[in-house]
N, C-alpha and C. Protein backbone atom coordinates (compact mmCIF):
# COMPACT_ATOMS: atom_id res chain seq x y z
N MET A 1 0.85 -1.18 0.00
CA MET A 1 0.00 0.00 0.00
C MET A 1 0.89 1.25 0.00
N THR A 2 0.45 2.27 -0.66
CA THR A 2 1.18 3.53 -0.76
C THR A 2 1.40 4.15 0.61
N GLU A 3 2.64 4.58 0.85
CA GLU A 3 2.98 5.29 2.09
C GLU A 3 2.64 6.77 1.87
N VAL A 4 1.77 7.34 2.70
CA VAL A 4 1.31 8.72 2.53
C VAL A 4 1.87 9.58 3.67
N GLU A 5 2.55 10.67 3.28
CA GLU A 5 3.11 11.61 4.25
C GLU A 5 2.54 13.00 3.99
N PHE A 6 2.31 13.72 5.06
CA PHE A 6 1.93 15.13 4.97
C PHE A 6 3.04 15.95 5.61
N HIS A 7 3.58 16.91 4.87
CA HIS A 7 4.56 17.86 5.41
C HIS A 7 3.79 19.17 5.57
N PHE A 8 3.47 19.51 6.84
CA PHE A 8 2.66 20.69 7.15
C PHE A 8 3.53 21.91 7.45
N ASN A 9 2.92 23.07 7.29
CA ASN A 9 3.56 24.36 7.61
C ASN A 9 4.83 24.61 6.80
N VAL A 10 4.75 24.27 5.52
CA VAL A 10 5.86 24.52 4.60
C VAL A 10 5.82 26.00 4.26
N GLY A 11 6.85 26.72 4.65
CA GLY A 11 6.88 28.17 4.45
C GLY A 11 6.98 28.58 2.99
N ASP A 12 7.83 27.92 2.23
CA ASP A 12 8.04 28.20 0.81
C ASP A 12 7.94 26.87 0.08
N LYS A 13 6.76 26.57 -0.45
CA LYS A 13 6.53 25.26 -1.06
C LYS A 13 7.47 24.99 -2.23
N LEU A 14 7.76 26.01 -3.04
CA LEU A 14 8.63 25.79 -4.19
C LEU A 14 10.08 25.56 -3.76
N GLY A 15 10.57 26.38 -2.85
CA GLY A 15 11.93 26.20 -2.36
C GLY A 15 12.10 24.87 -1.65
N TYR A 16 11.11 24.52 -0.83
CA TYR A 16 11.15 23.24 -0.12
C TYR A 16 11.11 22.09 -1.12
N SER A 17 10.30 22.24 -2.17
CA SER A 17 10.22 21.21 -3.21
C SER A 17 11.56 21.00 -3.87
N CYS A 18 12.25 22.09 -4.19
CA CYS A 18 13.57 21.97 -4.82
C CYS A 18 14.54 21.22 -3.91
N ARG A 19 14.54 21.53 -2.64
CA ARG A 19 15.43 20.84 -1.70
C ARG A 19 15.05 19.37 -1.56
N LEU A 20 13.75 19.10 -1.51
CA LEU A 20 13.26 17.73 -1.42
C LEU A 20 13.65 16.94 -2.67
N LEU A 21 13.50 17.54 -3.83
CA LEU A 21 13.85 16.87 -5.08
C LEU A 21 15.36 16.64 -5.18
N ARG A 22 16.15 17.60 -4.73
CA ARG A 22 17.61 17.43 -4.72
C ARG A 22 17.99 16.24 -3.83
N LYS A 23 17.38 16.15 -2.67
CA LYS A 23 17.65 15.05 -1.74
C LYS A 23 17.22 13.71 -2.34
N ALA A 24 16.05 13.69 -2.97
CA ALA A 24 15.55 12.46 -3.59
C ALA A 24 16.47 12.01 -4.73
N ARG A 25 16.90 12.96 -5.53
CA ARG A 25 17.80 12.66 -6.65
C ARG A 25 19.12 12.10 -6.13
N ALA A 26 19.67 12.70 -5.08
CA ALA A 26 20.92 12.23 -4.48
C ALA A 26 20.76 10.79 -3.97
N GLY A 27 19.56 10.45 -3.54
CA GLY A 27 19.28 9.10 -3.06
C GLY A 27 18.89 8.12 -4.15
N GLY A 28 18.85 8.59 -5.39
CA GLY A 28 18.52 7.72 -6.51
C GLY A 28 17.04 7.55 -6.79
N ALA A 29 16.19 8.28 -6.10
CA ALA A 29 14.74 8.14 -6.30
C ALA A 29 14.31 8.83 -7.59
N LYS A 30 13.26 8.29 -8.19
CA LYS A 30 12.61 8.93 -9.33
C LYS A 30 11.29 9.50 -8.81
N VAL A 31 11.06 10.78 -9.09
CA VAL A 31 9.95 11.51 -8.47
C VAL A 31 9.07 12.17 -9.52
N MET A 32 7.78 12.13 -9.29
CA MET A 32 6.84 12.91 -10.07
C MET A 32 6.25 13.97 -9.15
N VAL A 33 6.16 15.20 -9.64
CA VAL A 33 5.56 16.29 -8.89
C VAL A 33 4.28 16.69 -9.59
N THR A 34 3.21 16.81 -8.83
CA THR A 34 1.94 17.20 -9.42
C THR A 34 1.41 18.46 -8.74
N ALA A 35 0.76 19.29 -9.54
CA ALA A 35 0.17 20.54 -9.06
C ALA A 35 -0.60 21.15 -10.21
N GLU A 36 -1.20 22.30 -9.94
CA GLU A 36 -1.86 23.06 -10.99
C GLU A 36 -0.79 23.59 -11.94
N ALA A 37 -1.17 23.82 -13.21
CA ALA A 37 -0.23 24.19 -14.27
C ALA A 37 0.61 25.42 -13.92
N ASN A 38 0.00 26.44 -13.33
CA ASN A 38 0.75 27.66 -13.03
C ASN A 38 1.82 27.41 -11.97
N LEU A 39 1.53 26.59 -10.99
CA LEU A 39 2.51 26.27 -9.95
C LEU A 39 3.64 25.41 -10.52
N LEU A 40 3.29 24.48 -11.41
CA LEU A 40 4.33 23.66 -12.05
C LEU A 40 5.25 24.51 -12.92
N ALA A 41 4.69 25.51 -13.58
CA ALA A 41 5.52 26.41 -14.40
C ALA A 41 6.52 27.16 -13.53
N GLN A 42 6.08 27.59 -12.36
CA GLN A 42 6.98 28.27 -11.42
C GLN A 42 8.06 27.32 -10.92
N LEU A 43 7.67 26.08 -10.60
CA LEU A 43 8.64 25.10 -10.13
C LEU A 43 9.63 24.77 -11.24
N ASP A 44 9.15 24.62 -12.45
CA ASP A 44 10.02 24.34 -13.60
C ASP A 44 11.10 25.41 -13.70
N GLN A 45 10.69 26.67 -13.64
CA GLN A 45 11.64 27.78 -13.71
C GLN A 45 12.62 27.74 -12.53
N MET A 46 12.12 27.47 -11.36
CA MET A 46 12.97 27.46 -10.17
C MET A 46 13.99 26.32 -10.22
N LEU A 47 13.60 25.18 -10.77
CA LEU A 47 14.54 24.07 -10.88
C LEU A 47 15.72 24.40 -11.79
N TRP A 48 15.52 25.29 -12.75
CA TRP A 48 16.61 25.72 -13.63
C TRP A 48 17.56 26.67 -12.92
N THR A 49 17.08 27.38 -11.92
CA THR A 49 17.89 28.43 -11.30
C THR A 49 18.16 28.19 -9.82
N PHE A 50 17.70 27.09 -9.28
CA PHE A 50 17.77 26.82 -7.84
C PHE A 50 19.19 26.86 -7.30
N SER A 51 20.12 26.26 -8.02
CA SER A 51 21.50 26.21 -7.55
C SER A 51 22.43 26.51 -8.72
N SER A 52 23.43 27.31 -8.46
CA SER A 52 24.38 27.65 -9.52
C SER A 52 25.41 26.54 -9.73
N THR A 53 25.47 25.57 -8.84
CA THR A 53 26.47 24.51 -8.95
C THR A 53 25.90 23.14 -9.31
N GLU A 54 24.60 23.04 -9.45
CA GLU A 54 24.02 21.75 -9.81
C GLU A 54 22.74 21.95 -10.62
N PHE A 55 22.38 20.92 -11.35
CA PHE A 55 21.17 20.94 -12.16
C PHE A 55 20.31 19.76 -11.74
N LEU A 56 19.03 20.00 -11.55
CA LEU A 56 18.09 18.92 -11.25
C LEU A 56 17.36 18.58 -12.55
N PRO A 57 17.73 17.48 -13.20
CA PRO A 57 17.08 17.11 -14.46
C PRO A 57 15.59 16.87 -14.25
N HIS A 58 14.79 17.49 -15.09
CA HIS A 58 13.35 17.37 -14.98
C HIS A 58 12.72 17.65 -16.34
N CYS A 59 11.48 17.23 -16.51
CA CYS A 59 10.75 17.55 -17.73
C CYS A 59 9.25 17.46 -17.45
N ARG A 60 8.50 17.93 -18.44
CA ARG A 60 7.03 17.89 -18.35
C ARG A 60 6.49 16.87 -19.33
N ASN A 61 5.18 16.69 -19.33
CA ASN A 61 4.57 15.64 -20.13
C ASN A 61 4.68 15.85 -21.65
N ASP A 62 5.12 17.02 -22.10
CA ASP A 62 5.26 17.24 -23.54
C ASP A 62 6.62 16.79 -24.08
N ALA A 63 7.47 16.22 -23.23
CA ALA A 63 8.76 15.69 -23.67
C ALA A 63 8.52 14.38 -24.42
N ASP A 64 9.50 13.98 -25.22
CA ASP A 64 9.35 12.72 -25.96
C ASP A 64 9.41 11.54 -24.98
N PRO A 65 8.83 10.40 -25.37
CA PRO A 65 8.74 9.25 -24.46
C PRO A 65 10.08 8.78 -23.89
N ALA A 66 11.14 8.81 -24.68
CA ALA A 66 12.45 8.37 -24.18
C ALA A 66 12.95 9.31 -23.09
N THR A 67 12.74 10.60 -23.26
CA THR A 67 13.15 11.58 -22.25
C THR A 67 12.33 11.39 -20.98
N LEU A 68 11.03 11.19 -21.13
CA LEU A 68 10.17 10.96 -19.97
C LEU A 68 10.63 9.75 -19.17
N ALA A 69 10.98 8.68 -19.86
CA ALA A 69 11.39 7.46 -19.19
C ALA A 69 12.74 7.61 -18.48
N ALA A 70 13.62 8.46 -19.01
CA ALA A 70 14.97 8.60 -18.47
C ALA A 70 15.12 9.70 -17.43
N THR A 71 14.15 10.59 -17.34
CA THR A 71 14.28 11.76 -16.47
C THR A 71 13.86 11.42 -15.04
N PRO A 72 14.69 11.79 -14.05
CA PRO A 72 14.37 11.43 -12.66
C PRO A 72 13.28 12.27 -12.01
N VAL A 73 12.97 13.44 -12.58
CA VAL A 73 11.92 14.30 -12.00
C VAL A 73 10.95 14.69 -13.11
N LEU A 74 9.71 14.29 -12.94
CA LEU A 74 8.66 14.64 -13.91
C LEU A 74 7.69 15.62 -13.27
N LEU A 75 7.26 16.61 -14.05
CA LEU A 75 6.28 17.59 -13.59
C LEU A 75 4.97 17.32 -14.32
N ALA A 76 3.89 17.14 -13.57
CA ALA A 76 2.64 16.70 -14.18
C ALA A 76 1.43 17.36 -13.53
N THR A 77 0.50 17.83 -14.35
CA THR A 77 -0.76 18.30 -13.79
C THR A 77 -1.60 17.11 -13.35
N SER A 78 -1.34 15.94 -13.95
CA SER A 78 -2.03 14.71 -13.55
C SER A 78 -1.08 13.53 -13.69
N PRO A 79 -0.83 12.80 -12.60
CA PRO A 79 0.05 11.63 -12.69
C PRO A 79 -0.52 10.53 -13.58
N SER A 80 -1.80 10.59 -13.87
CA SER A 80 -2.41 9.56 -14.72
C SER A 80 -2.42 9.97 -16.19
N ASP A 81 -1.74 11.07 -16.55
CA ASP A 81 -1.64 11.51 -17.94
C ASP A 81 -1.08 10.36 -18.78
N PRO A 82 -1.71 10.05 -19.92
CA PRO A 82 -1.23 8.95 -20.77
C PRO A 82 0.24 9.10 -21.20
N ALA A 83 0.76 10.32 -21.23
CA ALA A 83 2.16 10.53 -21.61
C ALA A 83 3.11 9.83 -20.64
N PHE A 84 2.68 9.60 -19.42
CA PHE A 84 3.54 9.01 -18.40
C PHE A 84 3.41 7.50 -18.29
N GLN A 85 2.60 6.88 -19.15
CA GLN A 85 2.48 5.43 -19.12
C GLN A 85 3.85 4.82 -19.36
N GLY A 86 4.25 3.90 -18.55
CA GLY A 86 5.55 3.26 -18.69
C GLY A 86 6.66 3.95 -17.91
N CYS A 87 6.39 5.13 -17.37
CA CYS A 87 7.38 5.82 -16.54
C CYS A 87 7.27 5.28 -15.12
N LEU A 88 8.34 4.73 -14.62
CA LEU A 88 8.32 4.13 -13.29
C LEU A 88 8.97 5.07 -12.29
N HIS A 89 8.14 5.83 -11.63
CA HIS A 89 8.61 6.74 -10.59
C HIS A 89 7.99 6.29 -9.28
N GLY A 90 8.83 6.13 -8.26
CA GLY A 90 8.36 5.57 -7.00
C GLY A 90 7.77 6.58 -6.03
N VAL A 91 8.05 7.87 -6.27
CA VAL A 91 7.61 8.90 -5.33
C VAL A 91 6.75 9.93 -6.07
N LEU A 92 5.65 10.30 -5.45
CA LEU A 92 4.79 11.36 -5.96
C LEU A 92 4.75 12.47 -4.92
N VAL A 93 4.97 13.72 -5.35
CA VAL A 93 4.88 14.88 -4.48
C VAL A 93 3.72 15.74 -4.99
N ASN A 94 2.79 16.08 -4.10
CA ASN A 94 1.65 16.90 -4.48
C ASN A 94 1.78 18.30 -3.89
N LEU A 95 1.85 19.28 -4.77
CA LEU A 95 1.84 20.69 -4.36
C LEU A 95 0.45 21.29 -4.55
N GLY A 96 -0.43 20.54 -5.18
CA GLY A 96 -1.75 21.04 -5.53
C GLY A 96 -2.77 20.96 -4.41
N GLN A 97 -3.99 21.31 -4.77
CA GLN A 97 -5.08 21.39 -3.79
C GLN A 97 -6.00 20.17 -3.78
N GLY A 98 -5.86 19.29 -4.75
CA GLY A 98 -6.76 18.15 -4.84
C GLY A 98 -6.04 16.83 -4.65
N VAL A 99 -6.81 15.75 -4.61
CA VAL A 99 -6.28 14.40 -4.55
C VAL A 99 -5.85 14.02 -5.97
N PRO A 100 -4.57 13.75 -6.18
CA PRO A 100 -4.11 13.41 -7.53
C PRO A 100 -4.63 12.05 -7.97
N GLU A 101 -5.22 12.01 -9.13
CA GLU A 101 -5.70 10.76 -9.69
C GLU A 101 -4.51 9.83 -9.95
N GLY A 102 -4.58 8.62 -9.46
CA GLY A 102 -3.52 7.64 -9.68
C GLY A 102 -2.42 7.65 -8.63
N PHE A 103 -2.61 8.37 -7.53
CA PHE A 103 -1.57 8.44 -6.49
C PHE A 103 -1.23 7.06 -5.94
N GLU A 104 -2.20 6.15 -5.96
CA GLU A 104 -2.03 4.84 -5.34
C GLU A 104 -1.04 3.94 -6.08
N ARG A 105 -0.62 4.32 -7.27
CA ARG A 105 0.36 3.49 -7.99
C ARG A 105 1.80 3.80 -7.59
N PHE A 106 1.99 4.77 -6.71
CA PHE A 106 3.32 5.14 -6.24
C PHE A 106 3.61 4.47 -4.90
N GLU A 107 4.88 4.16 -4.65
CA GLU A 107 5.27 3.55 -3.38
C GLU A 107 5.14 4.57 -2.25
N ARG A 108 5.50 5.80 -2.54
CA ARG A 108 5.52 6.86 -1.52
C ARG A 108 4.85 8.10 -2.09
N PHE A 109 4.05 8.75 -1.27
CA PHE A 109 3.29 9.92 -1.70
C PHE A 109 3.43 11.00 -0.64
N ILE A 110 3.93 12.17 -1.05
CA ILE A 110 4.18 13.27 -0.11
C ILE A 110 3.29 14.46 -0.46
N GLU A 111 2.50 14.87 0.49
CA GLU A 111 1.66 16.06 0.36
C GLU A 111 2.38 17.23 1.03
N LEU A 112 2.59 18.33 0.30
CA LEU A 112 3.20 19.52 0.87
C LEU A 112 2.10 20.54 1.14
N VAL A 113 2.04 21.01 2.38
CA VAL A 113 0.97 21.90 2.81
C VAL A 113 1.57 23.17 3.41
N GLY A 114 1.20 24.30 2.86
CA GLY A 114 1.67 25.58 3.39
C GLY A 114 0.91 25.98 4.64
N SER A 115 1.14 27.20 5.08
CA SER A 115 0.48 27.67 6.29
C SER A 115 -0.76 28.53 6.01
N ALA A 116 -1.02 28.82 4.74
CA ALA A 116 -2.21 29.59 4.38
C ALA A 116 -3.47 28.77 4.70
N GLU A 117 -4.51 29.44 5.16
CA GLU A 117 -5.71 28.74 5.60
C GLU A 117 -6.37 27.93 4.48
N ASP A 118 -6.42 28.43 3.26
CA ASP A 118 -7.04 27.66 2.17
C ASP A 118 -6.25 26.39 1.87
N ASP A 119 -4.93 26.46 1.97
CA ASP A 119 -4.07 25.29 1.76
C ASP A 119 -4.31 24.27 2.87
N ARG A 120 -4.39 24.74 4.09
CA ARG A 120 -4.61 23.85 5.23
C ARG A 120 -6.01 23.20 5.16
N ARG A 121 -6.99 23.97 4.74
CA ARG A 121 -8.36 23.45 4.64
C ARG A 121 -8.43 22.32 3.62
N SER A 122 -7.85 22.54 2.44
CA SER A 122 -7.89 21.48 1.43
C SER A 122 -7.06 20.27 1.87
N ALA A 123 -5.98 20.51 2.63
CA ALA A 123 -5.18 19.40 3.15
C ALA A 123 -5.99 18.55 4.13
N ARG A 124 -6.80 19.20 4.95
CA ARG A 124 -7.64 18.46 5.90
C ARG A 124 -8.61 17.54 5.14
N GLN A 125 -9.16 18.04 4.04
CA GLN A 125 -10.07 17.22 3.22
C GLN A 125 -9.32 16.04 2.60
N ARG A 126 -8.10 16.27 2.12
CA ARG A 126 -7.32 15.18 1.54
C ARG A 126 -6.93 14.17 2.62
N TRP A 127 -6.55 14.66 3.79
CA TRP A 127 -6.21 13.78 4.91
C TRP A 127 -7.38 12.83 5.19
N LYS A 128 -8.57 13.39 5.29
CA LYS A 128 -9.77 12.59 5.55
C LYS A 128 -10.00 11.58 4.42
N TYR A 129 -9.81 11.99 3.18
CA TYR A 129 -9.98 11.12 2.02
C TYR A 129 -9.07 9.89 2.15
N TYR A 130 -7.78 10.11 2.41
CA TYR A 130 -6.84 8.99 2.51
C TYR A 130 -7.13 8.13 3.74
N LYS A 131 -7.43 8.77 4.86
CA LYS A 131 -7.72 8.06 6.11
C LYS A 131 -8.94 7.15 5.93
N ASP A 132 -10.00 7.67 5.29
CA ASP A 132 -11.23 6.90 5.06
C ASP A 132 -10.98 5.69 4.16
N ARG A 133 -9.90 5.71 3.38
CA ARG A 133 -9.59 4.61 2.48
C ARG A 133 -8.54 3.66 3.06
N GLY A 134 -8.20 3.88 4.33
CA GLY A 134 -7.34 2.94 5.03
C GLY A 134 -5.85 3.19 4.92
N TYR A 135 -5.44 4.32 4.38
CA TYR A 135 -4.01 4.61 4.30
C TYR A 135 -3.48 5.02 5.67
N ALA A 136 -2.31 4.49 6.03
CA ALA A 136 -1.63 4.92 7.25
C ALA A 136 -0.94 6.24 6.92
N LEU A 137 -1.23 7.27 7.67
CA LEU A 137 -0.73 8.60 7.37
C LEU A 137 0.37 9.01 8.34
N LYS A 138 1.41 9.64 7.80
CA LYS A 138 2.48 10.19 8.62
C LYS A 138 2.42 11.70 8.51
N LYS A 139 2.66 12.36 9.63
CA LYS A 139 2.57 13.82 9.69
C LYS A 139 3.91 14.40 10.13
N PHE A 140 4.39 15.39 9.38
CA PHE A 140 5.62 16.10 9.73
C PHE A 140 5.31 17.58 9.79
N ASP A 141 5.47 18.17 10.97
CA ASP A 141 5.21 19.60 11.15
C ASP A 141 6.53 20.34 11.00
N LEU A 142 6.62 21.17 9.98
CA LEU A 142 7.86 21.87 9.67
C LEU A 142 7.92 23.27 10.25
N SER A 143 6.98 23.62 11.10
CA SER A 143 6.91 24.99 11.61
C SER A 143 8.14 25.38 12.42
N SER A 144 8.87 24.44 12.94
CA SER A 144 10.03 24.80 13.76
C SER A 144 11.33 24.16 13.27
N THR A 145 11.39 23.82 11.97
CA THR A 145 12.61 23.20 11.46
C THR A 145 13.41 24.18 10.62
N ASP A 146 14.72 24.00 10.60
CA ASP A 146 15.60 24.82 9.77
C ASP A 146 15.41 24.53 8.30
N GLU A 147 15.05 23.29 7.96
CA GLU A 147 14.89 22.90 6.57
C GLU A 147 13.75 23.66 5.91
N ASN A 148 12.84 24.17 6.69
CA ASN A 148 11.68 24.90 6.16
C ASN A 148 12.05 26.34 5.80
N ALA A 149 13.16 26.81 6.24
CA ALA A 149 13.54 28.22 6.00
C ALA A 149 13.80 28.51 4.55
């Protein structure tokens, strides 16, 4: 069963995402990030400029199939997009407000939740959704961690 984690009180979701993706890449994980199109566009841009000494290889669903299969970080408005069929990524990160369709096909699923009330409200609904379906949920409160800065 998919391992579901919630990272609450993320001060800068895009910056935190870049650090999380860098850590996952260093560990050899293949990750898909899902969110609304405008947020993914911002993350795409940030991944190009996040660090002057390293590059986080990533692409979106409009890349050719060989690139999609070889890239360790995929950006997707929907993980169930037909373009991603055959792409084996073990981790899904959700920056969006809804339950991503197809999240259950990933080994690990991380929900990033900011401190804004609308973000927290939608996270509570997603928490209930996963809990009602029998997923064991892990909670990480980042309000007092250095990594959240």
